């Protein structure tokens, strides 16, 4: 278990972020300037709306402190490669999705440590583990920002190599992700069983609400249908592997997977059940 947490978890996330970087080009970052308005709508939804909706969900469902923190950690994690793939399947604006993922993922090195520290202090009070924002930011840089930068560099300087390793990396990351979700559930099995009903209902409700709110705001902002689909997906889809990794970084690994990782692990399963009907609708309209 310790090997999976200490090695498999950060390696899995780094591989996922490397795979994300390999799919990016400099144009994906420059596009933010030329498409400021739709990007701004998507960024506000991800950075502001998402945590606010998660906070409201936690309060409405009266979740236990550790589970509440886990919900908040999940809400701080951008969609990553998964949101890009789902945008493509939904025939949405993939270029906008990639640009949002690229920039928000890089910004997360600043936003996530600060918001995570606040959440732990707010919900866990005297039971809160000590969190070093600088240490968390450094860890975030090493396992998220640096792999993305390496991937972008490979795409630019060695496109042939990038194309060859992209698919195997994605497959490996998927296998590791499945193992991590299973281990996180197994390590907190009793807590999982005791809170499955309320936690599952909270996660599904939050996921549904975010997909619908993202779509509604985008349409209210007069974005095109393809742009609105992208905003919906980027708002409603989170990187559960990053959520599990954050929980491990915050609480340490001496006692196995932290209860803080449980919402992200469950979300890694429920997300697809919620997203598939939306993707089917988006694809056919």
C-alpha atoms as a PDB file:
ATOM      1  CA  UNK A   1       0.000   0.000   0.000  1.00  0.00           C
ATOM      2  CA  UNK A   2       2.803   2.406   0.936  1.00  0.00           C
ATOM      3  CA  UNK A   3       4.496   1.728  -2.408  1.00  0.00           C
ATOM      4  CA  UNK A   4       1.270   2.496  -4.268  1.00  0.00           C
ATOM      5  CA  UNK A   5       0.771   5.765  -2.375  1.00  0.00           C
ATOM      6  CA  UNK A   6       4.391   6.942  -2.328  1.00  0.00           C
ATOM      7  CA  UNK A   7       5.318   5.892  -5.855  1.00  0.00           C
ATOM      8  CA  UNK A   8       2.273   4.822  -7.868  1.00  0.00           C
ATOM      9  CA  UNK A   9       0.099   7.820  -6.977  1.00  0.00           C
ATOM     10  CA  UNK A  10       2.505  10.657  -7.881  1.00  0.00           C
ATOM     11  CA  UNK A  11       3.816   8.723 -10.900  1.00  0.00           C
ATOM     12  CA  UNK A  12       0.280   8.165 -12.156  1.00  0.00           C
ATOM     13  CA  UNK A  13      -0.582  11.856 -11.851  1.00  0.00           C
ATOM     14  CA  UNK A  14       2.722  12.882 -13.451  1.00  0.00           C
ATOM     15  CA  UNK A  15       2.037  10.547 -16.382  1.00  0.00           C
ATOM     16  CA  UNK A  16      -1.459  11.991 -16.798  1.00  0.00           C
ATOM     17  CA  UNK A  17      -0.062  15.535 -16.777  1.00  0.00           C
ATOM     18  CA  UNK A  18       2.753  14.552 -19.165  1.00  0.00           C
ATOM     19  CA  UNK A  19       0.137  13.121 -21.505  1.00  0.00           C
ATOM     20  CA  UNK A  20      -1.758  16.415 -21.220  1.00  0.00           C
ATOM     21  CA  UNK A  21       1.385  18.401 -22.059  1.00  0.00           C
ATOM     22  CA  UNK A  22       2.184  16.225 -25.076  1.00  0.00           C
ATOM     23  CA  UNK A  23      -1.206  17.156 -26.514  1.00  0.00           C
ATOM     24  CA  UNK A  24      -0.552  20.903 -26.120  1.00  0.00           C
ATOM     25  CA  UNK A  25       1.103  23.418 -28.414  1.00  0.00           C
ATOM     26  CA  UNK A  26       2.117  27.042 -27.967  1.00  0.00           C
ATOM     27  CA  UNK A  27      -0.981  27.996 -29.981  1.00  0.00           C
ATOM     28  CA  UNK A  28      -3.180  26.591 -27.214  1.00  0.00           C
ATOM     29  CA  UNK A  29      -1.839  29.267 -24.864  1.00  0.00           C
ATOM     30  CA  UNK A  30      -1.873  32.069 -27.451  1.00  0.00           C
ATOM     31  CA  UNK A  31      -5.508  31.263 -28.229  1.00  0.00           C
ATOM     32  CA  UNK A  32      -6.472  32.645 -24.815  1.00  0.00           C
ATOM     33  CA  UNK A  33      -5.637  36.160 -26.061  1.00  0.00           C
ATOM     34  CA  UNK A  34      -7.710  35.885 -29.233  1.00  0.00           C
ATOM     35  CA  UNK A  35     -10.679  34.276 -27.460  1.00  0.00           C
ATOM     36  CA  UNK A  36     -10.699  36.238 -24.237  1.00  0.00           C
ATOM     37  CA  UNK A  37     -14.461  36.270 -23.630  1.00  0.00           C
ATOM     38  CA  UNK A  38     -15.284  32.523 -23.823  1.00  0.00           C
ATOM     39  CA  UNK A  39     -12.044  31.752 -21.983  1.00  0.00           C
ATOM     40  CA  UNK A  40     -12.960  34.195 -19.199  1.00  0.00           C
ATOM     41  CA  UNK A  41     -16.399  32.578 -18.806  1.00  0.00           C
ATOM     42  CA  UNK A  42     -14.829  29.131 -18.556  1.00  0.00           C
ATOM     43  CA  UNK A  43     -12.120  30.278 -16.140  1.00  0.00           C
ATOM     44  CA  UNK A  44     -14.623  31.928 -13.794  1.00  0.00           C
ATOM     45  CA  UNK A  45     -16.754  28.782 -13.821  1.00  0.00           C
ATOM     46  CA  UNK A  46     -13.772  26.588 -12.933  1.00  0.00           C
ATOM     47  CA  UNK A  47     -11.943  28.764 -10.436  1.00  0.00           C
ATOM     48  CA  UNK A  48     -14.892  30.480  -8.700  1.00  0.00           C
ATOM     49  CA  UNK A  49     -18.198  28.740  -9.423  1.00  0.00           C
ATOM     50  CA  UNK A  50     -16.943  25.207  -8.861  1.00  0.00           C
ATOM     51  CA  UNK A  51     -15.668  25.684  -5.270  1.00  0.00           C
ATOM     52  CA  UNK A  52     -18.745  27.736  -4.370  1.00  0.00           C
ATOM     53  CA  UNK A  53     -21.042  24.964  -5.635  1.00  0.00           C
ATOM     54  CA  UNK A  54     -19.009  22.349  -3.753  1.00  0.00           C
ATOM     55  CA  UNK A  55     -19.217  24.398  -0.543  1.00  0.00           C
ATOM     56  CA  UNK A  56     -22.982  24.703  -0.916  1.00  0.00           C
ATOM     57  CA  UNK A  57     -23.285  20.946  -1.536  1.00  0.00           C
ATOM     58  CA  UNK A  58     -21.239  20.147   1.569  1.00  0.00           C
ATOM     59  CA  UNK A  59     -23.487  22.364   3.694  1.00  0.00           C
ATOM     60  CA  UNK A  60     -26.756  21.085   2.191  1.00  0.00           C
ATOM     61  CA  UNK A  61     -25.827  17.417   2.708  1.00  0.00           C
ATOM     62  CA  UNK A  62     -24.202  18.094   6.106  1.00  0.00           C
ATOM     63  CA  UNK A  63     -21.183  15.964   5.263  1.00  0.00           C
ATOM     64  CA  UNK A  64     -18.650  14.860   7.927  1.00  0.00           C
ATOM     65  CA  UNK A  65     -15.533  17.082   8.120  1.00  0.00           C
ATOM     66  CA  UNK A  66     -13.085  14.749   6.324  1.00  0.00           C
ATOM     67  CA  UNK A  67     -15.589  14.026   3.537  1.00  0.00           C
ATOM     68  CA  UNK A  68     -16.371  17.751   3.264  1.00  0.00           C
ATOM     69  CA  UNK A  69     -12.679  18.559   2.796  1.00  0.00           C
ATOM     70  CA  UNK A  70     -12.477  15.798   0.182  1.00  0.00           C
ATOM     71  CA  UNK A  71     -15.347  17.421  -1.743  1.00  0.00           C
ATOM     72  CA  UNK A  72     -13.573  20.766  -1.647  1.00  0.00           C
ATOM     73  CA  UNK A  73     -10.229  19.280  -2.774  1.00  0.00           C
ATOM     74  CA  UNK A  74     -11.982  17.669  -5.734  1.00  0.00           C
ATOM     75  CA  UNK A  75     -13.588  20.992  -6.674  1.00  0.00           C
ATOM     76  CA  UNK A  76     -10.166  22.651  -6.904  1.00  0.00           C
ATOM     77  CA  UNK A  77      -8.910  20.169  -9.529  1.00  0.00           C
ATOM     78  CA  UNK A  78      -9.264  21.131 -13.224  1.00  0.00           C
ATOM     79  CA  UNK A  79     -10.565  18.535 -15.666  1.00  0.00           C
ATOM     80  CA  UNK A  80      -7.275  17.647 -17.334  1.00  0.00           C
ATOM     81  CA  UNK A  81      -7.117  15.222 -20.245  1.00  0.00           C
ATOM     82  CA  UNK A  82     -10.535  13.723 -19.440  1.00  0.00           C
ATOM     83  CA  UNK A  83     -12.403  16.958 -20.139  1.00  0.00           C
ATOM     84  CA  UNK A  84     -10.570  17.330 -23.458  1.00  0.00           C
ATOM     85  CA  UNK A  85     -11.544  13.802 -24.507  1.00  0.00           C
ATOM     86  CA  UNK A  86     -15.166  14.284 -23.466  1.00  0.00           C
ATOM     87  CA  UNK A  87     -15.302  17.611 -25.342  1.00  0.00           C
ATOM     88  CA  UNK A  88     -14.125  15.834 -28.463  1.00  0.00           C
ATOM     89  CA  UNK A  89     -16.701  13.070 -28.025  1.00  0.00           C
ATOM     90  CA  UNK A  90     -19.426  15.702 -27.506  1.00  0.00           C
ATOM     91  CA  UNK A  91     -18.406  17.511 -30.714  1.00  0.00           C
ATOM     92  CA  UNK A  92     -17.783  20.616 -28.631  1.00  0.00           C
ATOM     93  CA  UNK A  93     -15.133  23.327 -29.061  1.00  0.00           C
ATOM     94  CA  UNK A  94     -12.051  21.196 -28.413  1.00  0.00           C
ATOM     95  CA  UNK A  95      -9.631  24.096 -28.956  1.00  0.00           C
ATOM     96  CA  UNK A  96     -11.342  26.090 -26.183  1.00  0.00           C
ATOM     97  CA  UNK A  97     -11.320  23.022 -23.926  1.00  0.00           C
ATOM     98  CA  UNK A  98      -7.592  22.489 -24.454  1.00  0.00           C
ATOM     99  CA  UNK A  99      -6.813  26.165 -23.818  1.00  0.00           C
ATOM    100  CA  UNK A 100      -8.815  26.175 -20.585  1.00  0.00           C
ATOM    101  CA  UNK A 101      -7.174  22.957 -19.414  1.00  0.00           C
ATOM    102  CA  UNK A 102      -3.694  24.236 -20.238  1.00  0.00           C
ATOM    103  CA  UNK A 103      -3.959  27.561 -18.432  1.00  0.00           C
ATOM    104  CA  UNK A 104      -6.078  26.473 -15.433  1.00  0.00           C
ATOM    105  CA  UNK A 105      -3.815  23.462 -14.848  1.00  0.00           C
ATOM    106  CA  UNK A 106      -0.799  25.751 -14.655  1.00  0.00           C
ATOM    107  CA  UNK A 107      -2.640  28.228 -12.414  1.00  0.00           C
ATOM    108  CA  UNK A 108      -3.542  25.396 -10.034  1.00  0.00           C
ATOM    109  CA  UNK A 109      -0.041  25.490  -8.570  1.00  0.00           C
ATOM    110  CA  UNK A 110      -1.087  28.813  -6.994  1.00  0.00           C
ATOM    111  CA  UNK A 111      -4.819  28.373  -6.400  1.00  0.00           C
ATOM    112  CA  UNK A 112      -4.970  24.794  -5.110  1.00  0.00           C
ATOM    113  CA  UNK A 113      -2.526  25.009  -2.135  1.00  0.00           C
ATOM    114  CA  UNK A 114      -4.172  28.191  -0.800  1.00  0.00           C
ATOM    115  CA  UNK A 115      -7.736  26.917  -1.178  1.00  0.00           C
ATOM    116  CA  UNK A 116      -6.829  23.483   0.200  1.00  0.00           C
ATOM    117  CA  UNK A 117      -5.270  24.992   3.329  1.00  0.00           C
ATOM    118  CA  UNK A 118      -8.369  27.156   3.885  1.00  0.00           C
ATOM    119  CA  UNK A 119     -10.734  24.190   3.462  1.00  0.00           C
ATOM    120  CA  UNK A 120      -8.884  22.024   5.961  1.00  0.00           C
ATOM    121  CA  UNK A 121      -8.799  24.801   8.541  1.00  0.00           C
ATOM    122  CA  UNK A 122     -12.489  25.655   8.009  1.00  0.00           C
ATOM    123  CA  UNK A 123     -13.978  22.156   8.147  1.00  0.00           C
ATOM    124  CA  UNK A 124     -11.609  20.226  10.416  1.00  0.00           C
ATOM    125  CA  UNK A 125     -10.745  22.974  12.933  1.00  0.00           C
ATOM    126  CA  UNK A 126      -8.678  21.489  15.797  1.00  0.00           C
ATOM    127  CA  UNK A 127      -8.445  18.108  13.998  1.00  0.00           C
ATOM    128  CA  UNK A 128      -6.871  19.699  10.925  1.00  0.00           C
ATOM    129  CA  UNK A 129      -3.439  18.398   9.927  1.00  0.00           C
ATOM    130  CA  UNK A 130      -0.727  20.998   9.559  1.00  0.00           C
ATOM    131  CA  UNK A 131      -0.521  22.173   5.950  1.00  0.00           C
ATOM    132  CA  UNK A 132       2.477  23.950   4.472  1.00  0.00           C
ATOM    133  CA  UNK A 133       1.277  25.990   1.498  1.00  0.00           C
ATOM    134  CA  UNK A 134       4.820  26.331   0.135  1.00  0.00           C
ATOM    135  CA  UNK A 135       5.504  22.579   0.392  1.00  0.00           C
ATOM    136  CA  UNK A 136       2.176  21.770  -1.234  1.00  0.00           C
ATOM    137  CA  UNK A 137       2.876  24.266  -4.021  1.00  0.00           C
ATOM    138  CA  UNK A 138       6.310  22.705  -4.629  1.00  0.00           C
ATOM    139  CA  UNK A 139       4.805  19.217  -4.775  1.00  0.00           C
ATOM    140  CA  UNK A 140       2.121  20.481  -7.159  1.00  0.00           C
ATOM    141  CA  UNK A 141       4.818  21.967  -9.371  1.00  0.00           C
ATOM    142  CA  UNK A 142       6.822  18.735  -9.498  1.00  0.00           C
ATOM    143  CA  UNK A 143       3.923  16.406 -10.301  1.00  0.00           C
ATOM    144  CA  UNK A 144       1.679  18.671 -12.384  1.00  0.00           C
ATOM    145  CA  UNK A 145       3.325  21.779 -13.844  1.00  0.00           C
ATOM    146  CA  UNK A 146       6.727  20.242 -14.614  1.00  0.00           C
ATOM    147  CA  UNK A 147       5.323  17.196 -16.491  1.00  0.00           C
ATOM    148  CA  UNK A 148       3.049  19.513 -18.514  1.00  0.00           C
ATOM    149  CA  UNK A 149       6.051  21.693 -19.413  1.00  0.00           C
ATOM    150  CA  UNK A 150       8.083  18.623 -20.403  1.00  0.00           C
ATOM    151  CA  UNK A 151       5.210  17.380 -22.555  1.00  0.00           C
ATOM    152  CA  UNK A 152       4.855  20.735 -24.321  1.00  0.00           C
ATOM    153  CA  UNK A 153       8.605  20.730 -24.918  1.00  0.00           C
ATOM    154  CA  UNK A 154       8.488  17.221 -26.388  1.00  0.00           C
ATOM    155  CA  UNK A 155       5.617  18.183 -28.678  1.00  0.00           C
ATOM    156  CA  UNK A 156       7.573  21.220 -29.914  1.00  0.00           C
ATOM    157  CA  UNK A 157      11.073  19.777 -30.243  1.00  0.00           C
ATOM    158  CA  UNK A 158      10.382  16.071 -30.872  1.00  0.00           C
ATOM    159  CA  UNK A 159       6.871  15.691 -32.333  1.00  0.00           C
ATOM    160  CA  UNK A 160       7.612  12.209 -33.662  1.00  0.00           C
ATOM    161  CA  UNK A 161       8.571  10.925 -30.220  1.00  0.00           C
ATOM    162  CA  UNK A 162       5.581  12.706 -28.671  1.00  0.00           C
ATOM    163  CA  UNK A 163       3.193  10.962 -31.072  1.00  0.00           C
ATOM    164  CA  UNK A 164       4.740   7.547 -30.388  1.00  0.00           C
ATOM    165  CA  UNK A 165       4.544   7.714 -26.609  1.00  0.00           C
ATOM    166  CA  UNK A 166       1.203   9.532 -26.247  1.00  0.00           C
ATOM    167  CA  UNK A 167      -1.092   6.487 -26.524  1.00  0.00           C
ATOM    168  CA  UNK A 168       1.020   4.148 -24.319  1.00  0.00           C
ATOM    169  CA  UNK A 169       1.264   6.861 -21.657  1.00  0.00           C
ATOM    170  CA  UNK A 170      -2.512   7.320 -21.631  1.00  0.00           C
ATOM    171  CA  UNK A 171      -3.091   3.569 -21.278  1.00  0.00           C
ATOM    172  CA  UNK A 172      -0.569   3.290 -18.449  1.00  0.00           C
ATOM    173  CA  UNK A 173      -2.113   6.263 -16.643  1.00  0.00           C
ATOM    174  CA  UNK A 174      -5.574   4.671 -16.935  1.00  0.00           C
ATOM    175  CA  UNK A 175      -4.370   1.390 -15.422  1.00  0.00           C
ATOM    176  CA  UNK A 176      -2.664   3.200 -12.541  1.00  0.00           C
ATOM    177  CA  UNK A 177      -5.759   5.340 -11.966  1.00  0.00           C
ATOM    178  CA  UNK A 178      -8.000   2.260 -11.645  1.00  0.00           C
ATOM    179  CA  UNK A 179      -5.585   0.678  -9.151  1.00  0.00           C
ATOM    180  CA  UNK A 180      -5.452   3.889  -7.107  1.00  0.00           C
ATOM    181  CA  UNK A 181      -9.257   4.254  -6.967  1.00  0.00           C
ATOM    182  CA  UNK A 182      -9.620   0.628  -5.838  1.00  0.00           C
ATOM    183  CA  UNK A 183      -6.893   1.054  -3.206  1.00  0.00           C
ATOM    184  CA  UNK A 184      -8.398   4.313  -1.904  1.00  0.00           C
ATOM    185  CA  UNK A 185     -11.810   2.676  -1.517  1.00  0.00           C
ATOM    186  CA  UNK A 186     -10.358  -0.456   0.090  1.00  0.00           C
ATOM    187  CA  UNK A 187      -8.256   1.572   2.535  1.00  0.00           C
ATOM    188  CA  UNK A 188     -11.348   3.458   3.762  1.00  0.00           C
ATOM    189  CA  UNK A 189     -13.917   0.733   3.224  1.00  0.00           C
ATOM    190  CA  UNK A 190     -15.937   1.181   6.415  1.00  0.00           C
ATOM    191  CA  UNK A 191     -16.033   4.962   6.003  1.00  0.00           C
ATOM    192  CA  UNK A 192     -17.032   4.401   2.383  1.00  0.00           C
ATOM    193  CA  UNK A 193     -19.880   2.051   3.366  1.00  0.00           C
ATOM    194  CA  UNK A 194     -21.091   4.314   6.190  1.00  0.00           C
ATOM    195  CA  UNK A 195     -21.229   7.398   3.968  1.00  0.00           C
ATOM    196  CA  UNK A 196     -21.929   5.902   0.541  1.00  0.00           C
ATOM    197  CA  UNK A 197     -25.559   7.051   0.394  1.00  0.00           C
ATOM    198  CA  UNK A 198     -25.056  10.681   1.341  1.00  0.00           C
ATOM    199  CA  UNK A 199     -21.643  10.978  -0.347  1.00  0.00           C
ATOM    200  CA  UNK A 200     -22.866   9.411  -3.590  1.00  0.00           C
ATOM    201  CA  UNK A 201     -25.954  11.620  -3.620  1.00  0.00           C
ATOM    202  CA  UNK A 202     -23.812  14.697  -2.952  1.00  0.00           C
ATOM    203  CA  UNK A 203     -21.296  13.876  -5.700  1.00  0.00           C
ATOM    204  CA  UNK A 204     -23.954  13.092  -8.293  1.00  0.00           C
ATOM    205  CA  UNK A 205     -25.953  16.200  -7.383  1.00  0.00           C
ATOM    206  CA  UNK A 206     -22.847  18.389  -7.577  1.00  0.00           C
ATOM    207  CA  UNK A 207     -21.801  16.864 -10.903  1.00  0.00           C
ATOM    208  CA  UNK A 208     -25.260  17.333 -12.422  1.00  0.00           C
ATOM    209  CA  UNK A 209     -25.576  20.877 -11.111  1.00  0.00           C
ATOM    210  CA  UNK A 210     -22.193  21.943 -12.464  1.00  0.00           C
ATOM    211  CA  UNK A 211     -22.818  20.510 -15.933  1.00  0.00           C
ATOM    212  CA  UNK A 212     -26.170  22.329 -16.103  1.00  0.00           C
ATOM    213  CA  UNK A 213     -24.974  25.588 -14.523  1.00  0.00           C
ATOM    214  CA  UNK A 214     -21.942  25.727 -16.815  1.00  0.00           C
ATOM    215  CA  UNK A 215     -24.197  25.242 -19.821  1.00  0.00           C
ATOM    216  CA  UNK A 216     -26.721  27.828 -18.588  1.00  0.00           C
ATOM    217  CA  UNK A 217     -24.127  30.508 -17.879  1.00  0.00           C
ATOM    218  CA  UNK A 218     -22.466  29.977 -21.239  1.00  0.00           C
ATOM    219  CA  UNK A 219     -25.767  30.331 -23.067  1.00  0.00           C
ATOM    220  CA  UNK A 220     -26.679  33.384 -20.981  1.00  0.00           C
ATOM    221  CA  UNK A 221     -23.327  34.871 -21.991  1.00  0.00           C
ATOM    222  CA  UNK A 222     -24.335  34.399 -25.667  1.00  0.00           C
ATOM    223  CA  UNK A 223     -21.619  31.873 -26.422  1.00  0.00           C
ATOM    224  CA  UNK A 224     -22.079  29.526 -29.372  1.00  0.00           C
ATOM    225  CA  UNK A 225     -23.578  26.077 -28.804  1.00  0.00           C
ATOM    226  CA  UNK A 226     -20.196  24.359 -29.239  1.00  0.00           C
ATOM    227  CA  UNK A 227     -18.566  26.800 -26.805  1.00  0.00           C
ATOM    228  CA  UNK A 228     -21.404  26.281 -24.320  1.00  0.00           C
ATOM    229  CA  UNK A 229     -20.941  22.506 -24.469  1.00  0.00           C
ATOM    230  CA  UNK A 230     -17.253  22.962 -23.700  1.00  0.00           C
ATOM    231  CA  UNK A 231     -17.916  25.285 -20.749  1.00  0.00           C
ATOM    232  CA  UNK A 232     -20.407  22.757 -19.363  1.00  0.00           C
ATOM    233  CA  UNK A 233     -17.894  19.901 -19.585  1.00  0.00           C
ATOM    234  CA  UNK A 234     -14.975  21.944 -18.237  1.00  0.00           C
ATOM    235  CA  UNK A 235     -17.130  23.059 -15.284  1.00  0.00           C
ATOM    236  CA  UNK A 236     -18.557  19.634 -14.517  1.00  0.00           C
ATOM    237  CA  UNK A 237     -15.518  17.368 -14.968  1.00  0.00           C
ATOM    238  CA  UNK A 238     -12.681  17.233 -12.425  1.00  0.00           C
ATOM    239  CA  UNK A 239      -9.330  15.414 -12.237  1.00  0.00           C
ATOM    240  CA  UNK A 240     -10.022  12.849  -9.514  1.00  0.00           C
ATOM    241  CA  UNK A 241      -6.433  11.567  -9.541  1.00  0.00           C
ATOM    242  CA  UNK A 242      -5.240  15.024  -8.523  1.00  0.00           C
ATOM    243  CA  UNK A 243      -7.837  15.056  -5.723  1.00  0.00           C
ATOM    244  CA  UNK A 244      -6.573  11.732  -4.359  1.00  0.00           C
ATOM    245  CA  UNK A 245      -2.965  12.912  -4.658  1.00  0.00           C
ATOM    246  CA  UNK A 246      -3.732  16.141  -2.811  1.00  0.00           C
ATOM    247  CA  UNK A 247      -5.249  14.150   0.049  1.00  0.00           C
ATOM    248  CA  UNK A 248      -2.077  12.048   0.305  1.00  0.00           C
ATOM    249  CA  UNK A 249       0.172  15.111   0.191  1.00  0.00           C
ATOM    250  CA  UNK A 250      -1.803  16.822   2.946  1.00  0.00           C
ATOM    251  CA  UNK A 251      -2.153  13.949   5.414  1.00  0.00           C
ATOM    252  CA  UNK A 252       0.982  11.927   4.658  1.00  0.00           C
ATOM    253  CA  UNK A 253       1.084   8.236   3.816  1.00  0.00           C
ATOM    254  CA  UNK A 254       1.868   6.527   7.129  1.00  0.00           C
ATOM    255  CA  UNK A 255      -1.706   5.284   7.634  1.00  0.00           C
ATOM    256  CA  UNK A 256      -2.599   4.483   4.043  1.00  0.00           C
ATOM    257  CA  UNK A 257      -5.030   6.422   1.892  1.00  0.00           C
ATOM    258  CA  UNK A 258      -6.590   9.356   3.735  1.00  0.00           C
ATOM    259  CA  UNK A 259     -10.388   9.651   4.178  1.00  0.00           C
ATOM    260  CA  UNK A 260      -9.945  12.991   2.382  1.00  0.00           C
ATOM    261  CA  UNK A 261      -9.308  10.965  -0.794  1.00  0.00           C
ATOM    262  CA  UNK A 262     -12.627   9.127  -0.624  1.00  0.00           C
ATOM    263  CA  UNK A 263     -14.843  11.660  -2.496  1.00  0.00           C
ATOM    264  CA  UNK A 264     -12.338  11.826  -5.376  1.00  0.00           C
ATOM    265  CA  UNK A 265     -12.156   8.020  -5.540  1.00  0.00           C
ATOM    266  CA  UNK A 266     -15.951   7.651  -5.635  1.00  0.00           C
ATOM    267  CA  UNK A 267     -16.216  10.524  -8.115  1.00  0.00           C
ATOM    268  CA  UNK A 268     -13.819   8.666 -10.418  1.00  0.00           C
ATOM    269  CA  UNK A 269     -16.632   6.122 -10.824  1.00  0.00           C
ATOM    270  CA  UNK A 270     -19.809   8.217 -10.648  1.00  0.00           C
ATOM    271  CA  UNK A 271     -18.484  10.901 -13.009  1.00  0.00           C
ATOM    272  CA  UNK A 272     -18.891   8.669 -16.058  1.00  0.00           C
ATOM    273  CA  UNK A 273     -22.432   7.627 -15.134  1.00  0.00           C
ATOM    274  CA  UNK A 274     -23.411  11.303 -14.910  1.00  0.00           C
ATOM    275  CA  UNK A 275     -21.411  12.550 -17.902  1.00  0.00           C
ATOM    276  CA  UNK A 276     -22.351   9.900 -20.487  1.00  0.00           C
ATOM    277  CA  UNK A 277     -26.003  11.037 -20.933  1.00  0.00           C
ATOM    278  CA  UNK A 278     -24.808  14.650 -21.334  1.00  0.00           C
ATOM    279  CA  UNK A 279     -22.144  13.657 -23.853  1.00  0.00           C
ATOM    280  CA  UNK A 280     -24.715  11.643 -25.826  1.00  0.00           C
ATOM    281  CA  UNK A 281     -27.131  14.579 -25.852  1.00  0.00           C
ATOM    282  CA  UNK A 282     -24.424  17.062 -26.805  1.00  0.00           C
ATOM    283  CA  UNK A 283     -23.113  14.806 -29.544  1.00  0.00           C
ATOM    284  CA  UNK A 284     -26.510  14.298 -31.163  1.00  0.00           C
ATOM    285  CA  UNK A 285     -27.665  17.906 -31.030  1.00  0.00           C
END
